PDB file of N, CA and C in Angstrom:
ATOM      1  N   MET A   1       0.821  -1.183   0.000  1.00  0.00           N
ATOM      2  CA  MET A   1       0.000   0.000   0.000  1.00  0.00           C
ATOM      3  C   MET A   1       0.867   1.249   0.000  1.00  0.00           C
ATOM      4  N   ARG A   2       0.433   2.206  -0.733  1.00  0.00           N
ATOM      5  CA  ARG A   2       1.157   3.476  -0.762  1.00  0.00           C
ATOM      6  C   ARG A   2       0.713   4.350   0.406  1.00  0.00           C
ATOM      7  N   ARG A   3       1.534   5.315   0.730  1.00  0.00           N
ATOM      8  CA  ARG A   3       1.236   6.231   1.833  1.00  0.00           C
ATOM      9  C   ARG A   3      -0.037   7.031   1.581  1.00  0.00           C
ATOM     10  N   GLU A   4      -0.341   7.338   0.343  1.00  0.00           N
ATOM     11  CA  GLU A   4      -1.534   8.102   0.014  1.00  0.00           C
ATOM     12  C   GLU A   4      -2.818   7.301   0.245  1.00  0.00           C
ATOM     13  N   ASP A   5      -2.703   5.960   0.299  1.00  0.00           N
ATOM     14  CA  ASP A   5      -3.873   5.104   0.470  1.00  0.00           C
ATOM     15  C   ASP A   5      -4.294   4.975   1.926  1.00  0.00           C
ATOM     16  N   TYR A   6      -3.448   5.367   2.863  1.00  0.00           N
ATOM     17  CA  TYR A   6      -3.767   5.269   4.286  1.00  0.00           C
ATOM     18  C   TYR A   6      -4.825   6.299   4.665  1.00  0.00           C
ATOM     19  N   ILE A   7      -5.611   5.964   5.692  1.00  0.00           N
ATOM     20  CA  ILE A   7      -6.563   6.953   6.195  1.00  0.00           C
ATOM     21  C   ILE A   7      -5.871   7.790   7.271  1.00  0.00           C
ATOM     22  N   SER A   8      -6.353   8.990   7.469  1.00  0.00           N
ATOM     23  CA  SER A   8      -5.705   9.904   8.409  1.00  0.00           C
ATOM     24  C   SER A   8      -6.004   9.505   9.857  1.00  0.00           C
ATOM     25  N   ASP A   9      -5.199  10.015  10.775  1.00  0.00           N
ATOM     26  CA  ASP A   9      -5.409   9.741  12.193  1.00  0.00           C
ATOM     27  C   ASP A   9      -6.746  10.284  12.667  1.00  0.00           C
ATOM     28  N   GLU A  10      -7.142  11.435  12.161  1.00  0.00           N
ATOM     29  CA  GLU A  10      -8.417  12.022  12.559  1.00  0.00           C
ATOM     30  C   GLU A  10      -9.578  11.113  12.167  1.00  0.00           C
ATOM     31  N   THR A  11      -9.475  10.501  10.994  1.00  0.00           N
ATOM     32  CA  THR A  11     -10.524   9.594  10.532  1.00  0.00           C
ATOM     33  C   THR A  11     -10.586   8.347  11.413  1.00  0.00           C
ATOM     34  N   VAL A  12      -9.435   7.840  11.802  1.00  0.00           N
ATOM     35  CA  VAL A  12      -9.389   6.665  12.676  1.00  0.00           C
ATOM     36  C   VAL A  12     -10.036   6.984  14.015  1.00  0.00           C
ATOM     37  N   ILE A  13      -9.722   8.143  14.579  1.00  0.00           N
ATOM     38  CA  ILE A  13     -10.285   8.552  15.865  1.00  0.00           C
ATOM     39  C   ILE A  13     -11.795   8.719  15.766  1.00  0.00           C
ATOM     40  N   LYS A  14     -12.267   9.358  14.686  1.00  0.00           N
ATOM     41  CA  LYS A  14     -13.712   9.539  14.499  1.00  0.00           C
ATOM     42  C   LYS A  14     -14.424   8.193  14.391  1.00  0.00           C
ATOM     43  N   ARG A  15     -13.842   7.258  13.650  1.00  0.00           N
ATOM     44  CA  ARG A  15     -14.453   5.938  13.492  1.00  0.00           C
ATOM     45  C   ARG A  15     -14.480   5.171  14.811  1.00  0.00           C
ATOM     46  N   ALA A  16     -13.410   5.259  15.587  1.00  0.00           N
ATOM     47  CA  ALA A  16     -13.354   4.562  16.877  1.00  0.00           C
ATOM     48  C   ALA A  16     -14.384   5.138  17.842  1.00  0.00           C
ATOM     49  N   ASN A  17     -14.478   6.466  17.907  1.00  0.00           N
ATOM     50  CA  ASN A  17     -15.462   7.101  18.786  1.00  0.00           C
ATOM     51  C   ASN A  17     -16.886   6.734  18.379  1.00  0.00           C
ATOM     52  N   GLU A  18     -17.137   6.693  17.106  1.00  0.00           N
ATOM     53  CA  GLU A  18     -18.467   6.342  16.609  1.00  0.00           C
ATOM     54  C   GLU A  18     -18.788   4.881  16.912  1.00  0.00           C
ATOM     55  N   ALA A  19     -17.808   3.995  16.797  1.00  0.00           N
ATOM     56  CA  ALA A  19     -18.026   2.582  17.108  1.00  0.00           C
ATOM     57  C   ALA A  19     -18.364   2.396  18.587  1.00  0.00           C
ATOM     58  N   VAL A  20     -17.694   3.131  19.459  1.00  0.00           N
ATOM     59  CA  VAL A  20     -17.980   3.054  20.896  1.00  0.00           C
ATOM     60  C   VAL A  20     -19.376   3.592  21.177  1.00  0.00           C
ATOM     61  N   ARG A  21     -19.744   4.713  20.550  1.00  0.00           N
ATOM     62  CA  ARG A  21     -21.067   5.299  20.758  1.00  0.00           C
ATOM     63  C   ARG A  21     -22.168   4.336  20.333  1.00  0.00           C
ATOM     64  N   ILE A  22     -21.980   3.685  19.189  1.00  0.00           N
ATOM     65  CA  ILE A  22     -22.972   2.732  18.689  1.00  0.00           C
ATOM     66  C   ILE A  22     -23.089   1.533  19.627  1.00  0.00           C
ATOM     67  N   GLU A  23     -21.958   1.041  20.114  1.00  0.00           N
ATOM     68  CA  GLU A  23     -21.971  -0.106  21.025  1.00  0.00           C
ATOM     69  C   GLU A  23     -22.667   0.243  22.342  1.00  0.00           C
ATOM     70  N   LEU A  24     -22.445   1.449  22.858  1.00  0.00           N
ATOM     71  CA  LEU A  24     -23.121   1.876  24.081  1.00  0.00           C
ATOM     72  C   LEU A  24     -24.624   1.979  23.865  1.00  0.00           C
ATOM     73  N   GLU A  25     -25.035   2.525  22.743  1.00  0.00           N
ATOM     74  CA  GLU A  25     -26.468   2.613  22.427  1.00  0.00           C
ATOM     75  C   GLU A  25     -27.091   1.225  22.319  1.00  0.00           C
ATOM     76  N   LYS A  26     -26.376   0.303  21.704  1.00  0.00           N
ATOM     77  CA  LYS A  26     -26.884  -1.052  21.539  1.00  0.00           C
ATOM     78  C   LYS A  26     -27.052  -1.726  22.905  1.00  0.00           C
ATOM     79  N   ASN A  27     -26.050  -1.583  23.771  1.00  0.00           N
ATOM     80  CA  ASN A  27     -26.132  -2.190  25.098  1.00  0.00           C
ATOM     81  C   ASN A  27     -27.259  -1.583  25.927  1.00  0.00           C
ATOM     82  N   ARG A  28     -27.441  -0.275  25.814  1.00  0.00           N
ATOM     83  CA  ARG A  28     -28.535   0.372  26.550  1.00  0.00           C
ATOM     84  C   ARG A  28     -29.887  -0.115  26.036  1.00  0.00           C
ATOM     85  N   ALA A  29     -30.012  -0.294  24.732  1.00  0.00           N
ATOM     86  CA  ALA A  29     -31.271  -0.776  24.154  1.00  0.00           C
ATOM     87  C   ALA A  29     -31.566  -2.211  24.574  1.00  0.00           C
ATOM     88  N   LEU A  30     -30.517  -3.020  24.746  1.00  0.00           N
ATOM     89  CA  LEU A  30     -30.702  -4.409  25.153  1.00  0.00           C
ATOM     90  C   LEU A  30     -30.853  -4.560  26.665  1.00  0.00           C
ATOM     91  N   GLY A  31     -30.650  -3.478  27.406  1.00  0.00           N
ATOM     92  CA  GLY A  31     -30.779  -3.545  28.858  1.00  0.00           C
ATOM     93  C   GLY A  31     -29.538  -4.047  29.564  1.00  0.00           C
ATOM     94  N   VAL A  32     -28.418  -4.054  28.876  1.00  0.00           N
ATOM     95  CA  VAL A  32     -27.155  -4.497  29.465  1.00  0.00           C
ATOM     96  C   VAL A  32     -26.524  -3.315  30.209  1.00  0.00           C
ATOM     97  N   PRO A  33     -26.071  -3.519  31.455  1.00  0.00           N
ATOM     98  CA  PRO A  33     -25.413  -2.419  32.170  1.00  0.00           C
ATOM     99  C   PRO A  33     -24.161  -1.957  31.431  1.00  0.00           C
ATOM    100  N   VAL A  34     -23.930  -0.643  31.476  1.00  0.00           N
ATOM    101  CA  VAL A  34     -22.802  -0.039  30.771  1.00  0.00           C
ATOM    102  C   VAL A  34     -21.832   0.527  31.812  1.00  0.00           C
ATOM    103  N   VAL A  35     -20.544   0.334  31.596  1.00  0.00           N
ATOM    104  CA  VAL A  35     -19.530   0.892  32.484  1.00  0.00           C
ATOM    105  C   VAL A  35     -19.063   2.208  31.877  1.00  0.00           C
ATOM    106  N   VAL A  36     -19.144   3.289  32.681  1.00  0.00           N
ATOM    107  CA  VAL A  36     -18.835   4.633  32.214  1.00  0.00           C
ATOM    108  C   VAL A  36     -17.795   5.250  33.141  1.00  0.00           C
ATOM    109  N   TYR A  37     -16.822   5.961  32.554  1.00  0.00           N
ATOM    110  CA  TYR A  37     -15.803   6.661  33.325  1.00  0.00           C
ATOM    111  C   TYR A  37     -16.087   8.147  33.288  1.00  0.00           C
ATOM    112  N   ASP A  38     -16.221   8.758  34.457  1.00  0.00           N
ATOM    113  CA  ASP A  38     -16.450  10.194  34.562  1.00  0.00           C
ATOM    114  C   ASP A  38     -15.097  10.878  34.707  1.00  0.00           C
ATOM    115  N   ARG A  39     -14.684  11.622  33.691  1.00  0.00           N
ATOM    116  CA  ARG A  39     -13.369  12.256  33.704  1.00  0.00           C
ATOM    117  C   ARG A  39     -13.245  13.333  34.768  1.00  0.00           C
ATOM    118  N   LYS A  40     -14.327  14.020  35.035  1.00  0.00           N
ATOM    119  CA  LYS A  40     -14.275  15.122  35.998  1.00  0.00           C
ATOM    120  C   LYS A  40     -14.024  14.614  37.419  1.00  0.00           C
ATOM    121  N   SER A  41     -14.808  13.638  37.847  1.00  0.00           N
ATOM    122  CA  SER A  41     -14.652  13.104  39.202  1.00  0.00           C
ATOM    123  C   SER A  41     -13.676  11.933  39.262  1.00  0.00           C
ATOM    124  N   GLN A  42     -13.279  11.401  38.133  1.00  0.00           N
ATOM    125  CA  GLN A  42     -12.361  10.276  37.996  1.00  0.00           C
ATOM    126  C   GLN A  42     -12.879   9.028  38.718  1.00  0.00           C
ATOM    127  N   ILE A  43     -14.170   8.781  38.551  1.00  0.00           N
ATOM    128  CA  ILE A  43     -14.811   7.623  39.153  1.00  0.00           C
ATOM    129  C   ILE A  43     -15.420   6.775  38.045  1.00  0.00           C
ATOM    130  N   ILE A  44     -15.354   5.449  38.221  1.00  0.00           N
ATOM    131  CA  ILE A  44     -15.925   4.498  37.274  1.00  0.00           C
ATOM    132  C   ILE A  44     -17.308   4.111  37.788  1.00  0.00           C
ATOM    133  N   TYR A  45     -18.324   4.238  36.922  1.00  0.00           N
ATOM    134  CA  TYR A  45     -19.700   3.937  37.279  1.00  0.00           C
ATOM    135  C   TYR A  45     -20.237   2.789  36.440  1.00  0.00           C
ATOM    136  N   ARG A  46     -21.161   2.055  37.028  1.00  0.00           N
ATOM    137  CA  ARG A  46     -21.949   1.072  36.291  1.00  0.00           C
ATOM    138  C   ARG A  46     -23.326   1.678  36.130  1.00  0.00           C
ATOM    139  N   GLU A  47     -23.725   1.925  34.895  1.00  0.00           N
ATOM    140  CA  GLU A  47     -24.989   2.596  34.603  1.00  0.00           C
ATOM    141  C   GLU A  47     -25.988   1.577  34.081  1.00  0.00           C
ATOM    142  N   ASN A  48     -27.104   1.457  34.784  1.00  0.00           N
ATOM    143  CA  ASN A  48     -28.148   0.518  34.388  1.00  0.00           C
ATOM    144  C   ASN A  48     -29.069   1.157  33.354  1.00  0.00           C
ATOM    145  N   ASP A  49     -29.924   0.324  32.749  1.00  0.00           N
ATOM    146  CA  ASP A  49     -30.797   0.835  31.704  1.00  0.00           C
ATOM    147  C   ASP A  49     -31.863   1.788  32.233  1.00  0.00           C
ATOM    148  N   ASP A  50     -32.153   1.750  33.538  1.00  0.00           N
ATOM    149  CA  ASP A  50     -33.131   2.688  34.102  1.00  0.00           C
ATOM    150  C   ASP A  50     -32.492   4.019  34.507  1.00  0.00           C
ATOM    151  N   GLY A  51     -31.183   4.174  34.312  1.00  0.00           N
ATOM    152  CA  GLY A  51     -30.504   5.433  34.580  1.00  0.00           C
ATOM    153  C   GLY A  51     -29.792   5.502  35.915  1.00  0.00           C
ATOM    154  N   THR A  52     -29.935   4.486  36.746  1.00  0.00           N
ATOM    155  CA  THR A  52     -29.248   4.504  38.037  1.00  0.00           C
ATOM    156  C   THR A  52     -27.765   4.229  37.847  1.00  0.00           C
ATOM    157  N   ARG A  53     -26.947   4.917  38.669  1.00  0.00           N
ATOM    158  CA  ARG A  53     -25.497   4.748  38.587  1.00  0.00           C
ATOM    159  C   ARG A  53     -24.972   4.182  39.898  1.00  0.00           C
ATOM    160  N   THR A  54     -24.105   3.186  39.800  1.00  0.00           N
ATOM    161  CA  THR A  54     -23.460   2.587  40.954  1.00  0.00           C
ATOM    162  C   THR A  54     -21.965   2.765  40.805  1.00  0.00           C
ATOM    163  N   GLU A  55     -21.312   3.273  41.845  1.00  0.00           N
ATOM    164  CA  GLU A  55     -19.868   3.469  41.780  1.00  0.00           C
ATOM    165  C   GLU A  55     -19.177   2.109  41.840  1.00  0.00           C
ATOM    166  N   VAL A  56     -18.276   1.881  40.885  1.00  0.00           N
ATOM    167  CA  VAL A  56     -17.550   0.624  40.808  1.00  0.00           C
ATOM    168  C   VAL A  56     -16.140   0.790  41.371  1.00  0.00           C
ATOM    169  N   GLY A  57     -15.484   1.887  41.045  1.00  0.00           N
ATOM    170  CA  GLY A  57     -14.127   2.105  41.514  1.00  0.00           C
ATOM    171  C   GLY A  57     -13.646   3.496  41.190  1.00  0.00           C
ATOM    172  N   LYS A  58     -12.419   3.761  41.624  1.00  0.00           N
ATOM    173  CA  LYS A  58     -11.796   5.049  41.354  1.00  0.00           C
ATOM    174  C   LYS A  58     -10.518   4.826  40.567  1.00  0.00           C
ATOM    175  N   ARG A  59     -10.055   5.881  39.964  1.00  0.00           N
ATOM    176  CA  ARG A  59      -8.830   5.820  39.181  1.00  0.00           C
ATOM    177  C   ARG A  59      -7.654   5.564  40.117  1.00  0.00           C
ATOM    178  N   LEU A  60      -6.779   4.641  39.737  1.00  0.00           N
ATOM    179  CA  LEU A  60      -5.666   4.273  40.597  1.00  0.00           C
ATOM    180  C   LEU A  60      -4.464   5.195  40.436  1.00  0.00           C
ATOM    181  N   ARG A  61      -4.165   5.545  39.209  1.00  0.00           N
ATOM    182  CA  ARG A  61      -2.978   6.353  38.946  1.00  0.00           C
ATOM    183  C   ARG A  61      -3.377   7.662  38.307  1.00  0.00           C
ATOM    184  N   LYS A  62      -2.632   8.702  38.610  1.00  0.00           N
ATOM    185  CA  LYS A  62      -2.972  10.033  38.103  1.00  0.00           C
ATOM    186  C   LYS A  62      -2.226  10.386  36.826  1.00  0.00           C
ATOM    187  N   GLU A  63      -1.068   9.770  36.558  1.00  0.00           N
ATOM    188  CA  GLU A  63      -0.286  10.173  35.398  1.00  0.00           C
ATOM    189  C   GLU A  63      -0.367   9.135  34.291  1.00  0.00           C
ATOM    190  N   ARG A  64       0.150   9.485  33.153  1.00  0.00           N
ATOM    191  CA  ARG A  64       0.171   8.583  32.003  1.00  0.00           C
ATOM    192  C   ARG A  64       1.292   7.569  32.156  1.00  0.00           C
ATOM    193  N   TYR A  65       1.193   6.508  31.376  1.00  0.00           N
ATOM    194  CA  TYR A  65       2.188   5.439  31.434  1.00  0.00           C
ATOM    195  C   TYR A  65       3.582   5.968  31.111  1.00  0.00           C
ATOM    196  N   SER A  66       3.690   6.801  30.077  1.00  0.00           N
ATOM    197  CA  SER A  66       4.996   7.335  29.687  1.00  0.00           C
ATOM    198  C   SER A  66       5.598   8.197  30.795  1.00  0.00           C
ATOM    199  N   GLU A  67       4.760   8.895  31.561  1.00  0.00           N
ATOM    200  CA  GLU A  67       5.264   9.715  32.656  1.00  0.00           C
ATOM    201  C   GLU A  67       5.761   8.837  33.800  1.00  0.00           C
ATOM    202  N   ARG A  68       5.116   7.716  34.063  1.00  0.00           N
ATOM    203  CA  ARG A  68       5.578   6.812  35.125  1.00  0.00           C
ATOM    204  C   ARG A  68       6.903   6.168  34.752  1.00  0.00           C
ATOM    205  N   ILE A  69       7.049   5.777  33.492  1.00  0.00           N
ATOM    206  CA  ILE A  69       8.271   5.124  33.040  1.00  0.00           C
ATOM    207  C   ILE A  69       9.443   6.094  33.105  1.00  0.00           C
ATOM    208  N   SER A  70       9.233   7.358  32.728  1.00  0.00           N
ATOM    209  CA  SER A  70      10.323   8.323  32.733  1.00  0.00           C
ATOM    210  C   SER A  70      10.792   8.614  34.155  1.00  0.00           C
ATOM    211  N   LYS A  71       9.908   8.493  35.148  1.00  0.00           N
ATOM    212  CA  LYS A  71      10.319   8.707  36.539  1.00  0.00           C
ATOM    213  C   LYS A  71      11.225   7.577  37.025  1.00  0.00           C
ATOM    214  N   LYS A  72      10.972   6.351  36.573  1.00  0.00           N
ATOM    215  CA  LYS A  72      11.778   5.204  36.990  1.00  0.00           C
ATOM    216  C   LYS A  72      13.186   5.242  36.399  1.00  0.00           C
ATOM    217  N   ALA A  73      13.296   5.752  35.168  1.00  0.00           N
ATOM    218  CA  ALA A  73      14.576   5.735  34.456  1.00  0.00           C
ATOM    219  C   ALA A  73      15.573   6.723  35.001  1.00  0.00           C
TER     220      ALA A  73
END
């Protein structure tokens, strides 16, 4: 494949986000609980089809993987 035949990074990101959105809609329609991460509070919730949210856990680490590795080196 030539370089011109590749799709752009923006297109890949848009497709991935859309695939996740569709999967969440499908699970909600089927009544399957959905796991959602709230970026603001950094808490993981289990959201049921009736709209109730149950806290599952909290974020363990605050930094990115690359930042943790650079501290060790």
